[in-house]
Amino acid sequence: MVFKIILFVVFILATIGTGIWAIMSFVDDESPAGKIAGSILAVVFLILTICIPGNIHQVDTGEVAVVRYLGKVSGTREAGVHWDSYFTNKYEYYDTKVREIKIETQTYSKDNQIIGVNADLQYTIDASQVDKIATEYGSIEKLESKITSIALDNIKSVFAQNTATDVINNRSTISANISRVVDESINVGYYVNVKTIVLTNIDFTDDFEAAVAAKVAQEQKRQQALIEQEQKLAEAENAKQVAILQAEAEAEAATKRAEAEAEVARIKAQADKDVAQIGADSAEYQGRKEASIAMQRLASINGWTVVTTDEGINTLVKPDGTLVSDAELKVGAENLIKYYYTQQWNGILPETYMSSDDVSTVIIP
């Protein structure tokens, strides 16, 4: 476009300059040849000014031009500078960069709630199909009008399939569904590629929003009540477990105490038994010792000998090797008593008393 303007300015200046020269040649009464040359140059530059700059067409990057020859679409032009007669060819420029359509509408939910919807639809035209867009729609504006209408129908259809509560709770899912159905409806047959469609705002009536707020508050109270109830149950269960553990601990402690007391009693009983056994063994040993001493004395006093058999039994044997009889043992025992008496006598004779009944009583001091 800049090159076209520069060329147009150059030709205009050249035309004006030659025109002034031609006029001055007539005023100065120059030769006829000079007058004709100046006039011809002025006419030539005028024709060049009219024809050349107008026939130069520039298509910028991000654009595609549709060429109409006498009103009929004859082809397209990519980015660059092109030469076409502007008397017969008209250029229509189509932007191939991302375009945006602002959508604002009201629709109804499945439960007949009024919903205000704002959305942004971004798309690009198919550069290879621009001639068809020009033929079928005539302009990009008319195509956008059609796209907008289809997008609105799809948006309303998706919202009509959901309750207002679903819209609030599942906005991302609904937005994805709208994007999917709009893509399927527009990308095929309308020579465009939908980049994205985003829900920028969703509004409900004041009454519905108030009802939702009240419901949310009620639900929050219910959830809080459930939390408090669960906390109480947890505390009760915890107290129960603590009581169980404490009871088990006390029972275990009592069992251990009983076992310890029983063990102590057993040990004590065993100790008493052992002490008693030791005492009995000691008494038995002492008795055996004293008996052995007495037998030795009995044998010594009577001239006998104590012989221990293989079975560990002590027997009394006379000098001739025969055993002491019971009668001899009785006499020997009396001799032993006399021996003990003699050993313990203090030299004082016993006293004898006679009673009136002629019964004598011997008192041993």
Protein backbone atom coordinates (compact mmCIF):
# COMPACT_ATOMS: atom_id res chain seq x y z
CA MET A 1 0.00 0.00 0.00
CA VAL A 2 2.89 2.42 0.74
CA PHE A 3 4.51 1.66 -2.64
CA LYS A 4 1.19 2.31 -4.35
CA ILE A 5 0.81 5.70 -2.63
CA ILE A 6 4.37 6.74 -3.46
CA LEU A 7 3.90 5.81 -7.14
CA PHE A 8 0.60 7.67 -7.25
CA VAL A 9 2.20 10.81 -5.77
CA VAL A 10 5.09 10.63 -8.29
CA PHE A 11 2.71 10.42 -11.23
CA ILE A 12 0.53 13.23 -9.89
CA LEU A 13 3.54 15.49 -9.50
CA ALA A 14 4.75 14.56 -12.99
CA THR A 15 1.33 15.26 -14.45
CA ILE A 16 1.11 18.61 -12.70
CA GLY A 17 4.62 19.51 -13.83
CA THR A 18 4.01 18.65 -17.49
CA GLY A 19 0.66 20.41 -17.36
CA ILE A 20 2.31 23.60 -16.10
CA TRP A 21 4.97 23.25 -18.81
CA ALA A 22 2.29 22.88 -21.54
CA ILE A 23 0.39 25.91 -20.24
CA MET A 24 3.55 28.01 -20.07
CA SER A 25 4.48 27.01 -23.67
CA PHE A 26 1.20 28.48 -24.91
CA VAL A 27 1.61 31.60 -22.84
CA ASP A 28 5.18 32.19 -24.04
CA ASP A 29 4.21 31.62 -27.72
CA GLU A 30 6.74 28.86 -28.19
CA SER A 31 6.99 26.90 -31.42
CA PRO A 32 4.11 24.56 -32.26
CA ALA A 33 6.37 21.54 -31.70
CA GLY A 34 7.11 22.57 -28.13
CA LYS A 35 3.46 23.20 -27.43
CA ILE A 36 2.51 19.76 -28.85
CA ALA A 37 5.29 18.00 -26.88
CA GLY A 38 4.24 19.61 -23.62
CA SER A 39 0.60 18.75 -24.20
CA ILE A 40 1.40 15.15 -25.12
CA LEU A 41 3.57 14.67 -21.99
CA ALA A 42 0.86 16.13 -19.79
CA VAL A 43 -1.74 13.78 -21.30
CA VAL A 44 0.61 10.76 -20.99
CA PHE A 45 1.38 11.41 -17.32
CA LEU A 46 -2.32 11.93 -16.67
CA ILE A 47 -3.13 8.56 -18.27
CA LEU A 48 -0.28 6.88 -16.32
CA THR A 49 -1.55 8.44 -13.09
CA ILE A 50 -5.02 7.08 -13.78
CA CYS A 51 -3.93 3.57 -14.86
CA ILE A 52 -0.69 2.48 -13.20
CA PRO A 53 -1.12 3.14 -9.40
CA GLY A 54 -4.69 1.86 -9.47
CA ASN A 55 -3.65 -1.43 -11.07
CA ILE A 56 -1.14 -2.21 -8.32
CA HIS A 57 -2.68 -4.28 -5.47
CA GLN A 58 -0.89 -5.16 -2.23
CA VAL A 59 -1.98 -8.07 0.00
CA ASP A 60 -0.48 -7.91 3.50
CA THR A 61 0.69 -10.85 5.61
CA GLY A 62 -2.28 -12.43 7.42
CA GLU A 63 -4.65 -11.58 4.57
CA VAL A 64 -6.05 -13.29 1.49
CA ALA A 65 -7.66 -11.30 -1.34
CA VAL A 66 -10.57 -12.50 -3.45
CA VAL A 67 -10.48 -11.11 -6.98
CA ARG A 68 -13.79 -10.36 -8.66
CA TYR A 69 -13.70 -9.89 -12.42
CA LEU A 70 -16.69 -7.77 -13.39
CA GLY A 71 -18.38 -8.86 -10.17
CA LYS A 72 -17.71 -12.57 -10.48
CA VAL A 73 -15.19 -14.36 -8.23
CA SER A 74 -12.25 -15.25 -10.47
CA GLY A 75 -9.57 -16.27 -7.97
CA THR A 76 -7.59 -15.40 -4.87
CA ARG A 77 -4.32 -13.62 -4.17
CA GLU A 78 -1.84 -14.46 -1.38
CA ALA A 79 0.31 -11.92 0.49
CA GLY A 80 2.42 -9.79 -1.86
CA VAL A 81 2.12 -7.17 -4.65
CA HIS A 82 -0.11 -8.03 -7.62
CA TRP A 83 -0.99 -6.32 -10.96
CA ASP A 84 -4.64 -6.33 -11.92
CA SER A 85 -6.69 -3.78 -13.78
CA TYR A 86 -8.81 -1.89 -11.37
CA PHE A 87 -11.27 -1.14 -14.15
CA THR A 88 -12.33 -4.81 -14.37
CA ASN A 89 -10.98 -6.45 -11.17
CA LYS A 90 -12.02 -5.69 -7.64
CA TYR A 91 -10.07 -6.92 -4.59
CA GLU A 92 -11.88 -8.05 -1.41
CA TYR A 93 -9.59 -8.61 1.57
CA TYR A 94 -10.17 -11.37 4.18
CA ASP A 95 -8.29 -11.47 7.48
CA THR A 96 -6.79 -14.93 8.09
CA LYS A 97 -5.62 -14.13 11.64
CA VAL A 98 -7.56 -15.23 14.71
CA ARG A 99 -10.87 -13.39 14.94
CA GLU A 100 -13.10 -13.10 17.97
CA ILE A 101 -16.88 -12.99 18.28
CA LYS A 102 -18.45 -11.70 21.50
CA ILE A 103 -21.64 -13.61 22.31
CA GLU A 104 -24.23 -12.37 24.79
CA THR A 105 -27.59 -14.06 25.23
CA GLN A 106 -30.23 -15.31 27.65
CA THR A 107 -31.30 -18.93 27.83
CA TYR A 108 -33.21 -21.37 30.04
CA SER A 109 -32.01 -24.28 32.12
CA LYS A 110 -33.71 -27.66 32.28
CA ASP A 111 -35.67 -26.49 35.33
CA ASN A 112 -36.73 -23.27 33.54
CA GLN A 113 -34.36 -20.90 35.29
CA ILE A 114 -33.31 -17.82 33.28
CA ILE A 115 -29.55 -17.75 32.68
CA GLY A 116 -27.55 -14.86 31.23
CA VAL A 117 -24.55 -16.11 29.23
CA ASN A 118 -21.47 -14.31 27.91
CA ALA A 119 -18.96 -16.17 25.76
CA ASP A 120 -15.96 -15.51 23.53
CA LEU A 121 -15.68 -17.46 20.28
CA GLN A 122 -12.30 -17.40 18.54
CA TYR A 123 -11.84 -18.76 15.05
CA THR A 124 -9.82 -18.47 11.84
CA ILE A 125 -11.06 -18.72 8.28
CA ASP A 126 -9.74 -21.43 5.97
CA ALA A 127 -7.47 -19.46 3.60
CA SER A 128 -7.86 -22.11 0.92
CA GLN A 129 -11.63 -21.70 0.96
CA VAL A 130 -11.86 -17.90 0.87
CA ASP A 131 -13.31 -17.89 -2.68
CA LYS A 132 -16.18 -20.10 -1.41
CA ILE A 133 -16.80 -17.76 1.51
CA ALA A 134 -16.98 -14.86 -0.96
CA THR A 135 -19.28 -16.78 -3.29
CA GLU A 136 -21.67 -18.17 -0.65
CA TYR A 137 -21.68 -15.41 1.97
CA GLY A 138 -20.35 -12.36 0.15
CA SER A 139 -18.40 -11.04 3.17
CA ILE A 140 -16.78 -12.10 6.40
CA GLU A 141 -19.41 -10.18 8.37
CA LYS A 142 -22.22 -12.31 6.95
CA LEU A 143 -20.24 -15.46 7.72
CA GLU A 144 -19.72 -14.31 11.31
CA SER A 145 -23.44 -13.66 11.63
CA LYS A 146 -24.12 -17.25 10.60
CA ILE A 147 -21.45 -18.61 12.95
CA THR A 148 -22.85 -16.56 15.83
CA SER A 149 -26.35 -17.90 15.18
CA ILE A 150 -25.13 -21.50 15.21
CA ALA A 151 -23.09 -20.94 18.38
CA LEU A 152 -26.11 -19.42 20.13
CA ASP A 153 -28.29 -22.40 19.22
CA ASN A 154 -25.70 -24.83 20.56
CA ILE A 155 -25.16 -22.86 23.77
CA LYS A 156 -28.89 -22.80 24.46
CA SER A 157 -29.19 -26.50 23.67
CA VAL A 158 -26.46 -27.45 26.15
CA PHE A 159 -27.89 -25.28 28.93
CA ALA A 160 -31.38 -26.71 28.31
CA GLN A 161 -30.01 -30.16 29.11
CA ASN A 162 -28.82 -29.13 32.59
CA THR A 163 -30.54 -27.81 35.67
CA ALA A 164 -29.42 -24.52 37.16
CA THR A 165 -27.74 -26.42 40.00
CA ASP A 166 -25.85 -28.51 37.46
CA VAL A 167 -24.69 -25.31 35.76
CA ILE A 168 -23.34 -24.01 39.06
CA ASN A 169 -21.64 -27.25 40.08
CA ASN A 170 -20.37 -28.39 36.66
CA ARG A 171 -19.42 -25.22 34.83
CA SER A 172 -16.20 -26.66 33.42
CA THR A 173 -18.01 -29.72 32.08
CA ILE A 174 -20.71 -27.59 30.47
CA SER A 175 -18.11 -25.31 28.91
CA ALA A 176 -16.34 -28.36 27.46
CA ASN A 177 -19.63 -29.68 26.06
CA ILE A 178 -20.40 -26.31 24.44
CA SER A 179 -16.93 -26.21 22.88
CA ARG A 180 -17.41 -29.72 21.50
CA VAL A 181 -20.83 -29.18 19.93
CA VAL A 182 -19.87 -25.78 18.48
CA ASP A 183 -16.75 -27.31 16.94
CA GLU A 184 -18.79 -30.11 15.41
CA SER A 185 -21.40 -27.70 14.07
CA ILE A 186 -19.15 -24.94 12.65
CA ASN A 187 -15.86 -26.55 11.63
CA VAL A 188 -17.57 -28.59 8.93
CA GLY A 189 -19.34 -26.71 6.13
CA TYR A 190 -18.55 -23.12 7.09
CA TYR A 191 -14.90 -22.90 5.97
CA VAL A 192 -13.60 -21.88 9.41
CA ASN A 193 -11.61 -23.45 12.22
CA VAL A 194 -12.92 -22.81 15.73
CA LYS A 195 -9.98 -22.23 18.08
CA THR A 196 -11.87 -21.98 21.33
CA ILE A 197 -15.14 -20.93 22.87
CA VAL A 198 -15.02 -19.81 26.49
CA LEU A 199 -17.86 -18.97 28.87
CA THR A 200 -16.79 -15.64 30.37
CA ASN A 201 -19.83 -15.07 32.58
CA ILE A 202 -22.99 -16.85 33.74
CA ASP A 203 -25.72 -14.92 35.56
CA PHE A 204 -28.91 -16.03 37.27
CA THR A 205 -31.91 -14.10 38.51
CA ASP A 206 -31.69 -12.44 41.93
CA ASP A 207 -34.37 -14.76 43.35
CA PHE A 208 -32.52 -17.86 42.21
CA GLU A 209 -29.19 -16.60 43.53
CA ALA A 210 -30.84 -15.85 46.87
CA ALA A 211 -32.35 -19.35 46.94
CA VAL A 212 -28.98 -20.86 46.10
CA ALA A 213 -27.29 -18.81 48.82
CA ALA A 214 -29.89 -19.97 51.35
CA LYS A 215 -29.46 -23.57 50.26
CA VAL A 216 -25.69 -23.27 50.50
CA ALA A 217 -25.99 -21.81 54.00
CA GLN A 218 -28.34 -24.62 55.01
CA GLU A 219 -25.99 -27.21 53.56
CA GLN A 220 -23.07 -25.64 55.41
CA LYS A 221 -25.03 -25.83 58.67
CA ARG A 222 -25.88 -29.45 57.96
CA GLN A 223 -22.27 -30.26 57.19
CA GLN A 224 -21.17 -28.46 60.36
CA ALA A 225 -23.73 -30.45 62.37
CA LEU A 226 -22.45 -33.68 60.82
CA ILE A 227 -18.88 -32.70 61.61
CA GLU A 228 -19.79 -31.92 65.22
CA GLN A 229 -21.71 -35.20 65.50
CA GLU A 230 -18.79 -37.11 64.07
CA GLN A 231 -16.47 -35.35 66.51
CA LYS A 232 -18.73 -36.32 69.43
CA LEU A 233 -18.91 -39.90 68.21
CA ALA A 234 -15.16 -39.94 67.80
CA GLU A 235 -14.70 -38.54 71.32
CA ALA A 236 -17.14 -41.11 72.73
CA GLU A 237 -15.41 -43.90 70.86
CA ASN A 238 -12.07 -42.62 72.07
CA ALA A 239 -13.30 -42.49 75.66
CA LYS A 240 -14.68 -46.01 75.23
CA GLN A 241 -11.36 -47.25 73.92
CA VAL A 242 -9.53 -45.49 76.74
CA ALA A 243 -11.87 -47.13 79.29
CA ILE A 244 -11.38 -50.53 77.65
CA LEU A 245 -7.63 -50.10 77.62
CA GLN A 246 -7.65 -48.91 81.22
CA ALA A 247 -9.84 -51.85 82.30
CA GLU A 248 -7.62 -54.26 80.39
CA ALA A 249 -4.55 -52.68 81.97
CA GLU A 250 -6.10 -52.93 85.45
CA ALA A 251 -7.15 -56.53 84.82
CA GLU A 252 -3.70 -57.38 83.54
CA ALA A 253 -2.13 -55.63 86.53
CA ALA A 254 -4.45 -57.53 88.91
CA THR A 255 -3.58 -60.79 87.16
CA LYS A 256 0.09 -60.04 87.43
CA ARG A 257 -0.31 -59.07 91.09
CA ALA A 258 -2.20 -62.30 91.78
CA GLU A 259 0.41 -64.28 89.90
CA ALA A 260 3.15 -62.48 91.82
CA GLU A 261 1.40 -63.08 95.16
CA ALA A 262 0.86 -66.71 94.24
CA GLU A 263 4.51 -67.03 93.26
CA VAL A 264 5.56 -65.37 96.51
CA ALA A 265 3.29 -67.74 98.45
CA ARG A 266 4.67 -70.70 96.53
CA ILE A 267 8.23 -69.59 97.14
CA LYS A 268 7.46 -68.99 100.81
CA ALA A 269 5.74 -72.36 101.14
CA GLN A 270 8.65 -74.01 99.38
CA ALA A 271 11.04 -72.16 101.68
CA ASP A 272 9.03 -73.25 104.75
CA LYS A 273 9.02 -76.77 103.41
CA ASP A 274 12.72 -76.63 102.76
CA VAL A 275 13.34 -75.19 106.23
CA ALA A 276 11.13 -77.90 107.76
CA GLN A 277 12.93 -80.54 105.74
CA ILE A 278 16.25 -79.12 106.78
CA GLY A 279 15.04 -79.14 110.39
CA ALA A 280 13.77 -82.70 110.07
CA ASP A 281 16.94 -83.76 108.37
CA SER A 282 18.92 -82.02 111.06
CA ALA A 283 16.87 -83.66 113.84
CA GLU A 284 17.14 -87.01 112.13
CA TYR A 285 20.85 -86.53 111.76
CA GLN A 286 21.17 -85.41 115.37
CA GLY A 287 19.09 -88.36 116.50
CA ARG A 288 21.15 -90.73 114.47
CA LYS A 289 24.30 -89.12 115.81
CA GLU A 290 23.13 -89.38 119.43
CA ALA A 291 21.95 -92.95 118.86
CA SER A 292 25.29 -93.84 117.34
CA ILE A 293 27.10 -92.29 120.31
CA ALA A 294 24.79 -94.12 122.75
CA MET A 295 25.35 -97.44 120.93
CA GLN A 296 29.11 -96.89 121.04
CA ARG A 297 28.94 -96.22 124.76
CA LEU A 298 26.67 -99.24 125.28
CA ALA A 299 29.14 -101.39 123.37
CA SER A 300 32.13 -99.89 125.22
CA ILE A 301 30.62 -100.40 128.71
CA ASN A 302 29.66 -103.99 128.01
CA GLY A 303 32.72 -104.98 126.03
CA TRP A 304 30.89 -105.29 122.79
CA THR A 305 31.68 -104.04 119.32
CA VAL A 306 29.51 -102.01 116.91
CA VAL A 307 29.50 -103.49 113.44
CA THR A 308 27.87 -101.81 110.44
CA THR A 309 26.39 -104.18 107.87
CA ASP A 310 26.41 -103.64 104.09
CA GLU A 311 22.90 -102.33 104.36
CA GLY A 312 24.16 -99.56 106.69
CA ILE A 313 22.61 -101.11 109.86
CA ASN A 314 24.57 -100.92 113.13
CA THR A 315 24.62 -104.17 115.18
CA LEU A 316 26.23 -105.16 118.51
CA VAL A 317 28.68 -108.08 118.45
CA LYS A 318 30.23 -109.83 121.44
CA PRO A 319 33.97 -110.58 121.63
CA ASP A 320 33.36 -114.09 120.38
CA GLY A 321 31.83 -112.69 117.21
CA THR A 322 28.21 -113.54 118.00
CA LEU A 323 25.39 -111.07 118.09
CA VAL A 324 24.15 -109.64 121.37
CA SER A 325 20.83 -111.24 122.38
CA ASP A 326 17.83 -109.31 123.62
CA ALA A 327 18.40 -110.44 127.22
CA GLU A 328 22.03 -109.41 127.02
CA LEU A 329 20.98 -106.12 125.45
CA LYS A 330 18.61 -105.49 128.38
CA VAL A 331 21.37 -106.12 130.93
CA GLY A 332 23.73 -104.00 128.92
CA ALA A 333 21.19 -101.16 128.86
CA GLU A 334 20.91 -101.30 132.67
CA ASN A 335 24.70 -101.12 132.90
CA LEU A 336 24.58 -98.04 130.60
CA ILE A 337 21.96 -96.39 132.83
CA LYS A 338 24.08 -97.03 135.86
CA TYR A 339 27.00 -95.52 133.97
CA TYR A 340 25.04 -92.37 133.18
CA TYR A 341 23.85 -92.18 136.79
CA THR A 342 27.36 -92.52 138.06
CA GLN A 343 28.57 -89.84 135.69
CA GLN A 344 25.88 -87.40 136.88
CA TRP A 345 25.96 -88.19 140.73
CA ASN A 346 27.11 -85.32 142.89
CA GLY A 347 28.18 -87.48 145.82
CA ILE A 348 25.02 -86.96 147.92
CA LEU A 349 23.13 -90.11 148.95
CA PRO A 350 19.41 -90.29 148.41
CA GLU A 351 17.06 -89.82 151.33
CA THR A 352 14.43 -92.37 152.29
CA TYR A 353 11.20 -91.53 154.19
CA MET A 354 8.73 -93.91 155.68
CA SER A 355 5.08 -92.92 155.77
CA SER A 356 2.49 -94.10 158.23
CA ASP A 357 1.38 -96.66 155.73
CA ASP A 358 4.85 -98.25 155.70
CA VAL A 359 5.49 -96.87 152.26
CA SER A 360 9.02 -95.75 151.69
CA THR A 361 9.81 -92.77 149.46
CA VAL A 362 13.27 -92.27 148.04
CA ILE A 363 14.22 -88.73 147.17
CA ILE A 364 17.21 -88.40 144.92
CA PRO A 365 18.86 -85.03 145.34
